Amino acid sequence: HFLYNPQLRSSYNFSPAIMGMIFLLVCAMMTAVSIVRETETGTME
């Protein structure tokens, strides 16, 4: 018997995992680029 994922669907494995990468992409990368853009263009000052 296979518990929790009896049909052995790979989406059960990848869906929670992809969330960890998506939030790094949206939060970390875009936040860093946004702040650096302000510094690079001089508007931060």
Full PDB file with SEQRES, HELIX, SHEET, SSBOND, CRYST1, ORIGX, SCALE, CONECT and MASTER records, all heavy atoms in Angstrom:
SEQRES   1 A   45  HIS PHE LEU TYR ASN PRO GLN LEU ARG SER SER TYR ASN          
SEQRES   2 A   45  PHE SER PRO ALA ILE MET GLY MET ILE PHE LEU LEU VAL          
SEQRES   3 A   45  CYS ALA MET MET THR ALA VAL SER ILE VAL ARG GLU THR          
SEQRES   4 A   45  GLU THR GLY THR MET GLU                                      
HELIX    1 AA1 SER A   11  PHE A   23  1                                  13    
HELIX    2 AA2 LEU A   24  MET A   29  3                                   6    
HELIX    3 AA3 MET A   30  THR A   41  1                                  12    
CRYST1    1.000    1.000    1.000  90.00  90.00  90.00 P 1           1          
ORIGX1      1.000000  0.000000  0.000000        0.00000                         
ORIGX2      0.000000  1.000000  0.000000        0.00000                         
ORIGX3      0.000000  0.000000  1.000000        0.00000                         
SCALE1      1.000000  0.000000  0.000000        0.00000                         
SCALE2      0.000000  1.000000  0.000000        0.00000                         
SCALE3      0.000000  0.000000  1.000000        0.00000                         
ATOM      1  N   HIS A   1       0.849  -1.184   0.000  1.00  0.00           N  
ATOM      2  CA  HIS A   1       0.000   0.000   0.000  1.00  0.00           C  
ATOM      3  C   HIS A   1       0.888   1.238   0.000  1.00  0.00           C  
ATOM      4  O   HIS A   1       1.857   1.303   0.759  1.00  0.00           O  
ATOM      5  CB  HIS A   1      -0.917   0.025   1.233  1.00  0.00           C  
ATOM      6  CG  HIS A   1      -1.910  -1.086   1.271  1.00  0.00           C  
ATOM      7  ND1 HIS A   1      -3.099  -1.050   0.569  1.00  0.00           N  
ATOM      8  CD2 HIS A   1      -1.901  -2.277   1.931  1.00  0.00           C  
ATOM      9  CE1 HIS A   1      -3.779  -2.159   0.794  1.00  0.00           C  
ATOM     10  NE2 HIS A   1      -3.069  -2.928   1.619  1.00  0.00           N  
ATOM     11  N   PHE A   2       0.543   2.231  -0.813  1.00  0.00           N  
ATOM     12  CA  PHE A   2       1.251   3.506  -0.832  1.00  0.00           C  
ATOM     13  C   PHE A   2       0.400   4.537  -0.091  1.00  0.00           C  
ATOM     14  O   PHE A   2      -0.718   4.842  -0.517  1.00  0.00           O  
ATOM     15  CB  PHE A   2       1.522   3.972  -2.272  1.00  0.00           C  
ATOM     16  CG  PHE A   2       2.539   3.141  -2.995  1.00  0.00           C  
ATOM     17  CD1 PHE A   2       2.148   2.135  -3.864  1.00  0.00           C  
ATOM     18  CD2 PHE A   2       3.890   3.357  -2.794  1.00  0.00           C  
ATOM     19  CE1 PHE A   2       3.090   1.363  -4.530  1.00  0.00           C  
ATOM     20  CE2 PHE A   2       4.846   2.585  -3.455  1.00  0.00           C  
ATOM     21  CZ  PHE A   2       4.439   1.600  -4.319  1.00  0.00           C  
ATOM     22  N   LEU A   3       0.933   5.050   1.002  1.00  0.00           N  
ATOM     23  CA  LEU A   3       0.207   6.002   1.805  1.00  0.00           C  
ATOM     24  C   LEU A   3       0.349   7.413   1.255  1.00  0.00           C  
ATOM     25  O   LEU A   3       1.372   7.758   0.656  1.00  0.00           O  
ATOM     26  CB  LEU A   3       0.707   5.964   3.254  1.00  0.00           C  
ATOM     27  CG  LEU A   3       0.600   4.619   3.984  1.00  0.00           C  
ATOM     28  CD1 LEU A   3       1.148   4.741   5.396  1.00  0.00           C  
ATOM     29  CD2 LEU A   3      -0.845   4.135   4.007  1.00  0.00           C  
ATOM     30  N   TYR A   4      -0.679   8.230   1.466  1.00  0.00           N  
ATOM     31  CA  TYR A   4      -0.708   9.666   1.163  1.00  0.00           C  
ATOM     32  C   TYR A   4      -0.741   9.971  -0.328  1.00  0.00           C  
ATOM     33  O   TYR A   4      -1.307  10.982  -0.721  1.00  0.00           O  
ATOM     34  CB  TYR A   4       0.488  10.397   1.798  1.00  0.00           C  
ATOM     35  CG  TYR A   4       0.735  10.031   3.230  1.00  0.00           C  
ATOM     36  CD1 TYR A   4       1.942   9.460   3.633  1.00  0.00           C  
ATOM     37  CD2 TYR A   4      -0.246  10.226   4.193  1.00  0.00           C  
ATOM     38  CE1 TYR A   4       2.155   9.106   4.958  1.00  0.00           C  
ATOM     39  CE2 TYR A   4      -0.037   9.869   5.518  1.00  0.00           C  
ATOM     40  CZ  TYR A   4       1.167   9.314   5.888  1.00  0.00           C  
ATOM     41  OH  TYR A   4       1.374   8.955   7.191  1.00  0.00           O  
ATOM     42  N   ASN A   5      -0.119   9.144  -1.150  1.00  0.00           N  
ATOM     43  CA  ASN A   5      -0.116   9.368  -2.598  1.00  0.00           C  
ATOM     44  C   ASN A   5      -0.245   8.021  -3.299  1.00  0.00           C  
ATOM     45  O   ASN A   5       0.691   7.547  -3.954  1.00  0.00           O  
ATOM     46  CB  ASN A   5       1.175  10.079  -3.021  1.00  0.00           C  
ATOM     47  CG  ASN A   5       1.187  10.448  -4.491  1.00  0.00           C  
ATOM     48  OD1 ASN A   5       0.163  10.383  -5.170  1.00  0.00           O  
ATOM     49  ND2 ASN A   5       2.348  10.819  -4.998  1.00  0.00           N  
ATOM     50  N   PRO A   6      -1.411   7.385  -3.176  1.00  0.00           N  
ATOM     51  CA  PRO A   6      -1.546   6.016  -3.690  1.00  0.00           C  
ATOM     52  C   PRO A   6      -1.382   5.896  -5.193  1.00  0.00           C  
ATOM     53  O   PRO A   6      -1.003   4.842  -5.695  1.00  0.00           O  
ATOM     54  CB  PRO A   6      -2.975   5.629  -3.258  1.00  0.00           C  
ATOM     55  CG  PRO A   6      -3.680   6.925  -3.031  1.00  0.00           C  
ATOM     56  CD  PRO A   6      -2.633   7.875  -2.539  1.00  0.00           C  
ATOM     57  N   GLN A   7      -1.656   6.982  -5.937  1.00  0.00           N  
ATOM     58  CA  GLN A   7      -1.519   6.927  -7.388  1.00  0.00           C  
ATOM     59  C   GLN A   7      -0.127   7.332  -7.860  1.00  0.00           C  
ATOM     60  O   GLN A   7       0.123   7.409  -9.067  1.00  0.00           O  
ATOM     61  CB  GLN A   7      -2.568   7.832  -8.035  1.00  0.00           C  
ATOM     62  CG  GLN A   7      -3.999   7.345  -7.796  1.00  0.00           C  
ATOM     63  CD  GLN A   7      -5.022   8.256  -8.436  1.00  0.00           C  
ATOM     64  OE1 GLN A   7      -4.812   9.465  -8.554  1.00  0.00           O  
ATOM     65  NE2 GLN A   7      -6.131   7.687  -8.858  1.00  0.00           N  
ATOM     66  N   LEU A   8       0.771   7.625  -6.919  1.00  0.00           N  
ATOM     67  CA  LEU A   8       2.163   7.979  -7.215  1.00  0.00           C  
ATOM     68  C   LEU A   8       2.252   9.168  -8.177  1.00  0.00           C  
ATOM     69  O   LEU A   8       3.057   9.185  -9.099  1.00  0.00           O  
ATOM     70  CB  LEU A   8       2.906   6.768  -7.801  1.00  0.00           C  
ATOM     71  CG  LEU A   8       2.970   5.523  -6.911  1.00  0.00           C  
ATOM     72  CD1 LEU A   8       3.680   4.397  -7.637  1.00  0.00           C  
ATOM     73  CD2 LEU A   8       3.645   5.817  -5.592  1.00  0.00           C  
ATOM     74  N   ARG A   9       1.447  10.189  -7.949  1.00  0.00           N  
ATOM     75  CA  ARG A   9       1.463  11.373  -8.807  1.00  0.00           C  
ATOM     76  C   ARG A   9       2.672  12.235  -8.478  1.00  0.00           C  
ATOM     77  O   ARG A   9       2.903  12.580  -7.320  1.00  0.00           O  
ATOM     78  CB  ARG A   9       0.183  12.190  -8.601  1.00  0.00           C  
ATOM     79  CG  ARG A   9      -1.081  11.507  -9.113  1.00  0.00           C  
ATOM     80  CD  ARG A   9      -2.292  12.383  -8.879  1.00  0.00           C  
ATOM     81  NE  ARG A   9      -3.506  11.787  -9.425  1.00  0.00           N  
ATOM     82  CZ  ARG A   9      -4.719  12.297  -9.269  1.00  0.00           C  
ATOM     83  NH1 ARG A   9      -4.869  13.423  -8.582  1.00  0.00           N  
ATOM     84  NH2 ARG A   9      -5.766  11.695  -9.789  1.00  0.00           N  
ATOM     85  N   SER A  10       3.417  12.603  -9.497  1.00  0.00           N  
ATOM     86  CA  SER A  10       4.597  13.432  -9.283  1.00  0.00           C  
ATOM     87  C   SER A  10       4.222  14.851  -8.874  1.00  0.00           C  
ATOM     88  O   SER A  10       5.010  15.549  -8.233  1.00  0.00           O  
ATOM     89  CB  SER A  10       5.448  13.471 -10.548  1.00  0.00           C  
ATOM     90  OG  SER A  10       4.701  13.964 -11.647  1.00  0.00           O  
ATOM     91  N   SER A  11       3.008  15.302  -9.222  1.00  0.00           N  
ATOM     92  CA  SER A  11       2.580  16.647  -8.837  1.00  0.00           C  
ATOM     93  C   SER A  11       2.484  16.780  -7.326  1.00  0.00           C  
ATOM     94  O   SER A  11       2.653  17.880  -6.784  1.00  0.00           O  
ATOM     95  CB  SER A  11       1.226  16.972  -9.476  1.00  0.00           C  
ATOM     96  OG  SER A  11       0.232  16.039  -9.084  1.00  0.00           O  
ATOM     97  N   TYR A  12       2.227  15.696  -6.619  1.00  0.00           N  
ATOM     98  CA  TYR A  12       2.192  15.737  -5.157  1.00  0.00           C  
ATOM     99  C   TYR A  12       3.574  16.065  -4.596  1.00  0.00           C  
ATOM    100  O   TYR A  12       3.692  16.628  -3.515  1.00  0.00           O  
ATOM    101  CB  TYR A  12       1.730  14.383  -4.601  1.00  0.00           C  
ATOM    102  CG  TYR A  12       0.236  14.197  -4.581  1.00  0.00           C  
ATOM    103  CD1 TYR A  12      -0.559  14.651  -5.630  1.00  0.00           C  
ATOM    104  CD2 TYR A  12      -0.397  13.553  -3.522  1.00  0.00           C  
ATOM    105  CE1 TYR A  12      -1.926  14.477  -5.630  1.00  0.00           C  
ATOM    106  CE2 TYR A  12      -1.777  13.387  -3.510  1.00  0.00           C  
ATOM    107  CZ  TYR A  12      -2.529  13.842  -4.562  1.00  0.00           C  
ATOM    108  OH  TYR A  12      -3.893  13.687  -4.553  1.00  0.00           O  
ATOM    109  N   ASN A  13       4.600  15.693  -5.330  1.00  0.00           N  
ATOM    110  CA  ASN A  13       5.961  15.964  -4.893  1.00  0.00           C  
ATOM    111  C   ASN A  13       6.432  17.345  -5.332  1.00  0.00           C  
ATOM    112  O   ASN A  13       7.056  18.084  -4.564  1.00  0.00           O  
ATOM    113  CB  ASN A  13       6.900  14.891  -5.448  1.00  0.00           C  
ATOM    114  CG  ASN A  13       8.348  15.148  -5.106  1.00  0.00           C  
ATOM    115  OD1 ASN A  13       8.712  15.290  -3.936  1.00  0.00           O  
ATOM    116  ND2 ASN A  13       9.204  15.208  -6.104  1.00  0.00           N  
ATOM    117  N   PHE A  14       6.127  17.719  -6.578  1.00  0.00           N  
ATOM    118  CA  PHE A  14       6.666  18.954  -7.137  1.00  0.00           C  
ATOM    119  C   PHE A  14       5.901  20.200  -6.703  1.00  0.00           C  
ATOM    120  O   PHE A  14       6.489  21.274  -6.587  1.00  0.00           O  
ATOM    121  CB  PHE A  14       6.704  18.883  -8.664  1.00  0.00           C  
ATOM    122  CG  PHE A  14       7.814  18.024  -9.196  1.00  0.00           C  
ATOM    123  CD1 PHE A  14       7.554  16.983 -10.062  1.00  0.00           C  
ATOM    124  CD2 PHE A  14       9.121  18.268  -8.824  1.00  0.00           C  
ATOM    125  CE1 PHE A  14       8.584  16.187 -10.548  1.00  0.00           C  
ATOM    126  CE2 PHE A  14      10.160  17.479  -9.307  1.00  0.00           C  
ATOM    127  CZ  PHE A  14       9.886  16.447 -10.175  1.00  0.00           C  
ATOM    128  N   SER A  15       4.601  20.097  -6.491  1.00  0.00           N  
ATOM    129  CA  SER A  15       3.823  21.294  -6.161  1.00  0.00           C  
ATOM    130  C   SER A  15       4.283  21.959  -4.868  1.00  0.00           C  
ATOM    131  O   SER A  15       4.510  23.175  -4.852  1.00  0.00           O  
ATOM    132  CB  SER A  15       2.335  20.944  -6.104  1.00  0.00           C  
ATOM    133  OG  SER A  15       1.862  20.574  -7.383  1.00  0.00           O  
ATOM    134  N   PRO A  16       4.434  21.237  -3.759  1.00  0.00           N  
ATOM    135  CA  PRO A  16       4.972  21.901  -2.566  1.00  0.00           C  
ATOM    136  C   PRO A  16       6.401  22.394  -2.771  1.00  0.00           C  
ATOM    137  O   PRO A  16       6.791  23.424  -2.224  1.00  0.00           O  
ATOM    138  CB  PRO A  16       4.925  20.797  -1.493  1.00  0.00           C  
ATOM    139  CG  PRO A  16       3.913  19.820  -1.979  1.00  0.00           C  
ATOM    140  CD  PRO A  16       4.039  19.846  -3.471  1.00  0.00           C  
ATOM    141  N   ALA A  17       7.188  21.653  -3.572  1.00  0.00           N  
ATOM    142  CA  ALA A  17       8.586  22.033  -3.764  1.00  0.00           C  
ATOM    143  C   ALA A  17       8.716  23.308  -4.589  1.00  0.00           C  
ATOM    144  O   ALA A  17       9.549  24.167  -4.284  1.00  0.00           O  
ATOM    145  CB  ALA A  17       9.346  20.888  -4.441  1.00  0.00           C  
ATOM    146  N   ILE A  18       7.888  23.442  -5.632  1.00  0.00           N  
ATOM    147  CA  ILE A  18       8.017  24.610  -6.497  1.00  0.00           C  
ATOM    148  C   ILE A  18       7.661  25.881  -5.755  1.00  0.00           C  
ATOM    149  O   ILE A  18       8.109  26.983  -6.114  1.00  0.00           O  
ATOM    150  CB  ILE A  18       7.144  24.432  -7.764  1.00  0.00           C  
ATOM    151  CG1 ILE A  18       7.528  25.429  -8.859  1.00  0.00           C  
ATOM    152  CG2 ILE A  18       5.683  24.591  -7.428  1.00  0.00           C  
ATOM    153  CD1 ILE A  18       8.934  25.295  -9.344  1.00  0.00           C  
ATOM    154  N   MET A  19       6.844  25.768  -4.706  1.00  0.00           N  
ATOM    155  CA  MET A  19       6.500  26.941  -3.912  1.00  0.00           C  
ATOM    156  C   MET A  19       7.753  27.557  -3.280  1.00  0.00           C  
ATOM    157  O   MET A  19       7.878  28.775  -3.175  1.00  0.00           O  
ATOM    158  CB  MET A  19       5.487  26.571  -2.834  1.00  0.00           C  
ATOM    159  CG  MET A  19       4.135  26.161  -3.391  1.00  0.00           C  
ATOM    160  SD  MET A  19       3.032  25.445  -2.148  1.00  0.00           S  
ATOM    161  CE  MET A  19       2.738  26.863  -1.098  1.00  0.00           C  
ATOM    162  N   GLY A  20       8.682  26.711  -2.843  1.00  0.00           N  
ATOM    163  CA  GLY A  20       9.911  27.223  -2.251  1.00  0.00           C  
ATOM    164  C   GLY A  20      10.734  28.031  -3.221  1.00  0.00           C  
ATOM    165  O   GLY A  20      11.402  28.996  -2.821  1.00  0.00           O  
ATOM    166  N   MET A  21      10.708  27.693  -4.502  1.00  0.00           N  
ATOM    167  CA  MET A  21      11.472  28.435  -5.500  1.00  0.00           C  
ATOM    168  C   MET A  21      10.724  29.675  -5.963  1.00  0.00           C  
ATOM    169  O   MET A  21      11.325  30.721  -6.225  1.00  0.00           O  
ATOM    170  CB  MET A  21      11.791  27.538  -6.694  1.00  0.00           C  
ATOM    171  CG  MET A  21      12.753  28.176  -7.696  1.00  0.00           C  
ATOM    172  SD  MET A  21      13.349  27.022  -8.937  1.00  0.00           S  
ATOM    173  CE  MET A  21      11.845  26.699  -9.842  1.00  0.00           C  
ATOM    174  N   ILE A  22       9.399  29.592  -6.064  1.00  0.00           N  
ATOM    175  CA  ILE A  22       8.615  30.724  -6.542  1.00  0.00           C  
ATOM    176  C   ILE A  22       8.761  31.913  -5.606  1.00  0.00           C  
ATOM    177  O   ILE A  22       8.936  33.058  -6.051  1.00  0.00           O  
ATOM    178  CB  ILE A  22       7.134  30.322  -6.696  1.00  0.00           C  
ATOM    179  CG1 ILE A  22       6.957  29.410  -7.915  1.00  0.00           C  
ATOM    180  CG2 ILE A  22       6.254  31.563  -6.835  1.00  0.00           C  
ATOM    181  CD1 ILE A  22       5.566  28.855  -8.067  1.00  0.00           C  
ATOM    182  N   PHE A  23       8.702  31.681  -4.313  1.00  0.00           N  
ATOM    183  CA  PHE A  23       8.755  32.799  -3.373  1.00  0.00           C  
ATOM    184  C   PHE A  23      10.149  33.421  -3.317  1.00  0.00           C  
ATOM    185  O   PHE A  23      10.287  34.614  -3.062  1.00  0.00           O  
ATOM    186  CB  PHE A  23       8.305  32.348  -1.987  1.00  0.00           C  
ATOM    187  CG  PHE A  23       6.846  31.993  -1.934  1.00  0.00           C  
ATOM    188  CD1 PHE A  23       6.422  30.821  -1.345  1.00  0.00           C  
ATOM    189  CD2 PHE A  23       5.909  32.827  -2.505  1.00  0.00           C  
ATOM    190  CE1 PHE A  23       5.080  30.493  -1.307  1.00  0.00           C  
ATOM    191  CE2 PHE A  23       4.563  32.508  -2.485  1.00  0.00           C  
ATOM    192  CZ  PHE A  23       4.143  31.335  -1.874  1.00  0.00           C  
ATOM    193  N   LEU A  24      11.173  32.616  -3.568  1.00  0.00           N  
ATOM    194  CA  LEU A  24      12.503  33.208  -3.693  1.00  0.00           C  
ATOM    195  C   LEU A  24      12.580  34.084  -4.937  1.00  0.00           C  
ATOM    196  O   LEU A  24      13.196  35.153  -4.928  1.00  0.00           O  
ATOM    197  CB  LEU A  24      13.566  32.116  -3.754  1.00  0.00           C  
ATOM    198  CG  LEU A  24      13.960  31.448  -2.433  1.00  0.00           C  
ATOM    199  CD1 LEU A  24      15.055  30.430  -2.673  1.00  0.00           C  
ATOM    200  CD2 LEU A  24      14.424  32.482  -1.427  1.00  0.00           C  
ATOM    201  N   LEU A  25      11.952  33.624  -6.014  1.00  0.00           N  
ATOM    202  CA  LEU A  25      11.972  34.394  -7.258  1.00  0.00           C  
ATOM    203  C   LEU A  25      11.238  35.718  -7.097  1.00  0.00           C  
ATOM    204  O   LEU A  25      11.739  36.773  -7.482  1.00  0.00           O  
ATOM    205  CB  LEU A  25      11.334  33.571  -8.382  1.00  0.00           C  
ATOM    206  CG  LEU A  25      11.195  34.240  -9.750  1.00  0.00           C  
ATOM    207  CD1 LEU A  25      12.562  34.475 -10.356  1.00  0.00           C  
ATOM    208  CD2 LEU A  25      10.344  33.393 -10.680  1.00  0.00           C  
ATOM    209  N   VAL A  26      10.046  35.678  -6.503  1.00  0.00           N  
ATOM    210  CA  VAL A  26       9.227  36.880  -6.375  1.00  0.00           C  
ATOM    211  C   VAL A  26       9.741  37.795  -5.276  1.00  0.00           C  
ATOM    212  O   VAL A  26       9.884  39.007  -5.473  1.00  0.00           O  
ATOM    213  CB  VAL A  26       7.755  36.497  -6.124  1.00  0.00           C  
ATOM    214  CG1 VAL A  26       6.907  37.741  -5.862  1.00  0.00           C  
ATOM    215  CG2 VAL A  26       7.199  35.729  -7.313  1.00  0.00           C  
ATOM    216  N   CYS A  27      10.010  37.203  -4.100  1.00  0.00           N  
ATOM    217  CA  CYS A  27      10.378  38.028  -2.937  1.00  0.00           C  
ATOM    218  C   CYS A  27      11.844  38.437  -2.971  1.00  0.00           C  
ATOM    219  O   CYS A  27      12.164  39.636  -2.991  1.00  0.00           O  
ATOM    220  CB  CYS A  27      10.084  37.261  -1.656  1.00  0.00           C  
ATOM    221  SG  CYS A  27       8.369  36.787  -1.469  1.00  0.00           S  
ATOM    222  N   ALA A  28      12.725  37.457  -2.942  1.00  0.00           N  
ATOM    223  CA  ALA A  28      14.142  37.759  -2.789  1.00  0.00           C  
ATOM    224  C   ALA A  28      14.719  38.456  -4.022  1.00  0.00           C  
ATOM    225  O   ALA A  28      15.285  39.545  -3.929  1.00  0.00           O  
ATOM    226  CB  ALA A  28      14.906  36.470  -2.508  1.00  0.00           C  
ATOM    227  N   MET A  29      14.555  37.836  -5.180  1.00  0.00           N  
ATOM    228  CA  MET A  29      15.191  38.381  -6.376  1.00  0.00           C  
ATOM    229  C   MET A  29      14.608  39.737  -6.755  1.00  0.00           C  
ATOM    230  O   MET A  29      15.350  40.697  -7.012  1.00  0.00           O  
ATOM    231  CB  MET A  29      15.048  37.397  -7.532  1.00  0.00           C  
ATOM    232  CG  MET A  29      15.775  37.831  -8.799  1.00  0.00           C  
ATOM    233  SD  MET A  29      15.597  36.630 -10.155  1.00  0.00           S  
ATOM    234  CE  MET A  29      16.466  35.218  -9.471  1.00  0.00           C  
ATOM    235  N   MET A  30      13.298  39.863  -6.765  1.00  0.00           N  
ATOM    236  CA  MET A  30      12.693  41.118  -7.212  1.00  0.00           C  
ATOM    237  C   MET A  30      12.874  42.232  -6.188  1.00  0.00           C  
ATOM    238  O   MET A  30      13.016  43.402  -6.551  1.00  0.00           O  
ATOM    239  CB  MET A  30      11.216  40.899  -7.520  1.00  0.00           C  
ATOM    240  CG  MET A  30      10.988  40.016  -8.724  1.00  0.00           C  
ATOM    241  SD  MET A  30       9.295  40.007  -9.285  1.00  0.00           S  
ATOM    242  CE  MET A  30       9.481  39.015 -10.769  1.00  0.00           C  
ATOM    243  N   THR A  31      12.866  41.893  -4.908  1.00  0.00           N  
ATOM    244  CA  THR A  31      13.128  42.905  -3.894  1.00  0.00           C  
ATOM    245  C   THR A  31      14.546  43.432  -4.020  1.00  0.00           C  
ATOM    246  O   THR A  31      14.792  44.645  -3.959  1.00  0.00           O  
ATOM    247  CB  THR A  31      12.907  42.320  -2.484  1.00  0.00           C  
ATOM    248  OG1 THR A  31      11.566  41.855  -2.375  1.00  0.00           O  
ATOM    249  CG2 THR A  31      13.155  43.373  -1.417  1.00  0.00           C  
ATOM    250  N   ALA A  32      15.499  42.532  -4.198  1.00  0.00           N  
ATOM    251  CA  ALA A  32      16.896  42.947  -4.345  1.00  0.00           C  
ATOM    252  C   ALA A  32      17.076  43.840  -5.568  1.00  0.00           C  
ATOM    253  O   ALA A  32      17.712  44.893  -5.508  1.00  0.00           O  
ATOM    254  CB  ALA A  32      17.796  41.721  -4.446  1.00  0.00           C  
ATOM    255  N   VAL A  33      16.488  43.419  -6.697  1.00  0.00           N  
ATOM    256  CA  VAL A  33      16.632  44.207  -7.924  1.00  0.00           C  
ATOM    257  C   VAL A  33      15.967  45.570  -7.772  1.00  0.00           C  
ATOM    258  O   VAL A  33      16.490  46.591  -8.227  1.00  0.00           O  
ATOM    259  CB  VAL A  33      16.036  43.431  -9.114  1.00  0.00           C  
ATOM    260  CG1 VAL A  33      15.976  44.314 -10.358  1.00  0.00           C  
ATOM    261  CG2 VAL A  33      16.862  42.182  -9.395  1.00  0.00           C  
ATOM    262  N   SER A  34      14.818  45.607  -7.103  1.00  0.00           N  
ATOM    263  CA  SER A  34      14.109  46.870  -6.933  1.00  0.00           C  
ATOM    264  C   SER A  34      14.914  47.860  -6.115  1.00  0.00           C  
ATOM    265  O   SER A  34      15.018  49.048  -6.472  1.00  0.00           O  
ATOM    266  CB  SER A  34      12.754  46.606  -6.261  1.00  0.00           C  
ATOM    267  OG  SER A  34      12.095  47.813  -5.963  1.00  0.00           O  
ATOM    268  N   ILE A  35      15.514  47.415  -5.025  1.00  0.00           N  
ATOM    269  CA  ILE A  35      16.289  48.312  -4.174  1.00  0.00           C  
ATOM    270  C   ILE A  35      17.579  48.738  -4.871  1.00  0.00           C  
ATOM    271  O   ILE A  35      17.975  49.908  -4.826  1.00  0.00           O  
ATOM    272  CB  ILE A  35      16.584  47.637  -2.827  1.00  0.00           C  
ATOM    273  CG1 ILE A  35      15.276  47.384  -2.075  1.00  0.00           C  
ATOM    274  CG2 ILE A  35      17.522  48.491  -1.982  1.00  0.00           C  
ATOM    275  CD1 ILE A  35      15.442  46.609  -0.783  1.00  0.00           C  
ATOM    276  N   VAL A  36      18.233  47.787  -5.543  1.00  0.00           N  
ATOM    277  CA  VAL A  36      19.466  48.120  -6.253  1.00  0.00           C  
ATOM    278  C   VAL A  36      19.177  49.100  -7.387  1.00  0.00           C  
ATOM    279  O   VAL A  36      19.986  49.990  -7.672  1.00  0.00           O  
ATOM    280  CB  VAL A  36      20.137  46.841  -6.790  1.00  0.00           C  
ATOM    281  CG1 VAL A  36      21.294  47.183  -7.709  1.00  0.00           C  
ATOM    282  CG2 VAL A  36      20.634  45.981  -5.632  1.00  0.00           C  
ATOM    283  N   ARG A  37      18.016  48.960  -8.040  1.00  0.00           N  
ATOM    284  CA  ARG A  37      17.657  49.885  -9.106  1.00  0.00           C  
ATOM    285  C   ARG A  37      17.585  51.324  -8.580  1.00  0.00           C  
ATOM    286  O   ARG A  37      18.026  52.263  -9.238  1.00  0.00           O  
ATOM    287  CB  ARG A  37      16.327  49.485  -9.721  1.00  0.00           C  
ATOM    288  CG  ARG A  37      15.938  50.360 -10.924  1.00  0.00           C  
ATOM    289  CD  ARG A  37      14.494  50.141 -11.346  1.00  0.00           C  
ATOM    290  NE  ARG A  37      14.259  48.744 -11.662  1.00  0.00           N  
ATOM    291  CZ  ARG A  37      13.270  48.014 -11.151  1.00  0.00           C  
ATOM    292  NH1 ARG A  37      12.442  48.564 -10.279  1.00  0.00           N  
ATOM    293  NH2 ARG A  37      13.119  46.760 -11.508  1.00  0.00           N  
ATOM    294  N   GLU A  38      17.016  51.495  -7.383  1.00  0.00           N  
ATOM    295  CA  GLU A  38      16.938  52.830  -6.782  1.00  0.00           C  
ATOM    296  C   GLU A  38      18.336  53.392  -6.536  1.00  0.00           C  
ATOM    297  O   GLU A  38      18.609  54.571  -6.787  1.00  0.00           O  
ATOM    298  CB  GLU A  38      16.157  52.758  -5.460  1.00  0.00           C  
ATOM    299  CG  GLU A  38      14.721  52.328  -5.601  1.00  0.00           C  
ATOM    300  CD  GLU A  38      13.810  53.462  -6.008  1.00  0.00           C  
ATOM    301  OE1 GLU A  38      14.323  54.556  -6.319  1.00  0.00           O  
ATOM    302  OE2 GLU A  38      12.585  53.265  -6.038  1.00  0.00           O  
ATOM    303  N   THR A  39      19.235  52.546  -6.045  1.00  0.00           N  
ATOM    304  CA  THR A  39      20.599  52.996  -5.782  1.00  0.00           C  
ATOM    305  C   THR A  39      21.348  53.286  -7.077  1.00  0.00           C  
ATOM    306  O   THR A  39      22.094  54.263  -7.186  1.00  0.00           O  
ATOM    307  CB  THR A  39      21.346  51.933  -4.960  1.00  0.00           C  
ATOM    308  OG1 THR A  39      20.601  51.638  -3.776  1.00  0.00           O  
ATOM    309  CG2 THR A  39      22.731  52.412  -4.570  1.00  0.00           C  
ATOM    310  N   GLU A  40      21.149  52.416  -8.070  1.00  0.00           N  
ATOM    311  CA  GLU A  40      21.875  52.549  -9.336  1.00  0.00           C  
ATOM    312  C   GLU A  40      21.457  53.810 -10.091  1.00  0.00           C  
ATOM    313  O   GLU A  40      22.292  54.462 -10.725  1.00  0.00           O  
ATOM    314  CB  GLU A  40      21.612  51.309 -10.197  1.00  0.00           C  
ATOM    315  CG  GLU A  40      22.479  51.223 -11.437  1.00  0.00           C  
ATOM    316  CD  GLU A  40      22.220  49.947 -12.209  1.00  0.00           C  
ATOM    317  OE1 GLU A  40      21.245  49.232 -11.873  1.00  0.00           O  
ATOM    318  OE2 GLU A  40      22.960  49.657 -13.155  1.00  0.00           O  
ATOM    319  N   THR A  41      20.176  54.165 -10.036  1.00  0.00           N  
ATOM    320  CA  THR A  41      19.687  55.338 -10.762  1.00  0.00           C  
ATOM    321  C   THR A  41      19.807  56.621  -9.960  1.00  0.00           C  
ATOM    322  O   THR A  41      19.544  57.707 -10.489  1.00  0.00           O  
ATOM    323  CB  THR A  41      18.216  55.131 -11.161  1.00  0.00           C  
ATOM    324  OG1 THR A  41      17.436  54.877  -9.982  1.00  0.00           O  
ATOM    325  CG2 THR A  41      18.083  53.968 -12.117  1.00  0.00           C  
ATOM    326  N   GLY A  42      20.174  56.514  -8.661  1.00  0.00           N  
ATOM    327  CA  GLY A  42      20.356  57.701  -7.838  1.00  0.00           C  
ATOM    328  C   GLY A  42      19.116  58.181  -7.120  1.00  0.00           C  
ATOM    329  O   GLY A  42      19.176  59.156  -6.355  1.00  0.00           O  
ATOM    330  N   THR A  43      17.974  57.517  -7.319  1.00  0.00           N  
ATOM    331  CA  THR A  43      16.745  57.955  -6.653  1.00  0.00           C  
ATOM    332  C   THR A  43      16.720  57.588  -5.175  1.00  0.00           C  
ATOM    333  O   THR A  43      15.938  58.165  -4.413  1.00  0.00           O  
ATOM    334  CB  THR A  43      15.515  57.342  -7.350  1.00  0.00           C  
ATOM    335  OG1 THR A  43      15.677  55.912  -7.401  1.00  0.00           O  
ATOM    336  CG2 THR A  43      15.368  57.882  -8.760  1.00  0.00           C  
ATOM    337  N   MET A  44      17.540  56.627  -4.750  1.00  0.00           N  
ATOM    338  CA  MET A  44      17.596  56.280  -3.338  1.00  0.00           C  
ATOM    339  C   MET A  44      18.076  57.471  -2.511  1.00  0.00           C  
ATOM    340  O   MET A  44      17.597  57.703  -1.388  1.00  0.00           O  
ATOM    341  CB  MET A  44      18.503  55.066  -3.123  1.00  0.00           C  
ATOM    342  CG  MET A  44      18.621  54.625  -1.668  1.00  0.00           C  
ATOM    343  SD  MET A  44      17.058  54.055  -0.969  1.00  0.00           S  
ATOM    344  CE  MET A  44      16.934  52.440  -1.721  1.00  0.00           C  
ATOM    345  N   GLU A  45      19.023  58.226  -3.049  1.00  0.00           N  
ATOM    346  CA  GLU A  45      19.515  59.389  -2.316  1.00  0.00           C  
ATOM    347  C   GLU A  45      18.416  60.426  -2.123  1.00  0.00           C  
ATOM    348  O   GLU A  45      18.346  61.095  -1.089  1.00  0.00           O  
ATOM    349  CB  GLU A  45      20.702  60.001  -3.057  1.00  0.00           C  
ATOM    350  CG  GLU A  45      21.911  59.074  -3.151  1.00  0.00           C  
ATOM    351  CD  GLU A  45      23.047  59.711  -3.935  1.00  0.00           C  
ATOM    352  OE1 GLU A  45      22.869  60.850  -4.399  1.00  0.00           O  
ATOM    353  OE2 GLU A  45      24.096  59.056  -4.074  1.00  0.00           O  
TER     354      GLU A  45                                                      
MASTER        0    0    0    3    0    0    0    6  353    1    0    4          
END                                                                             
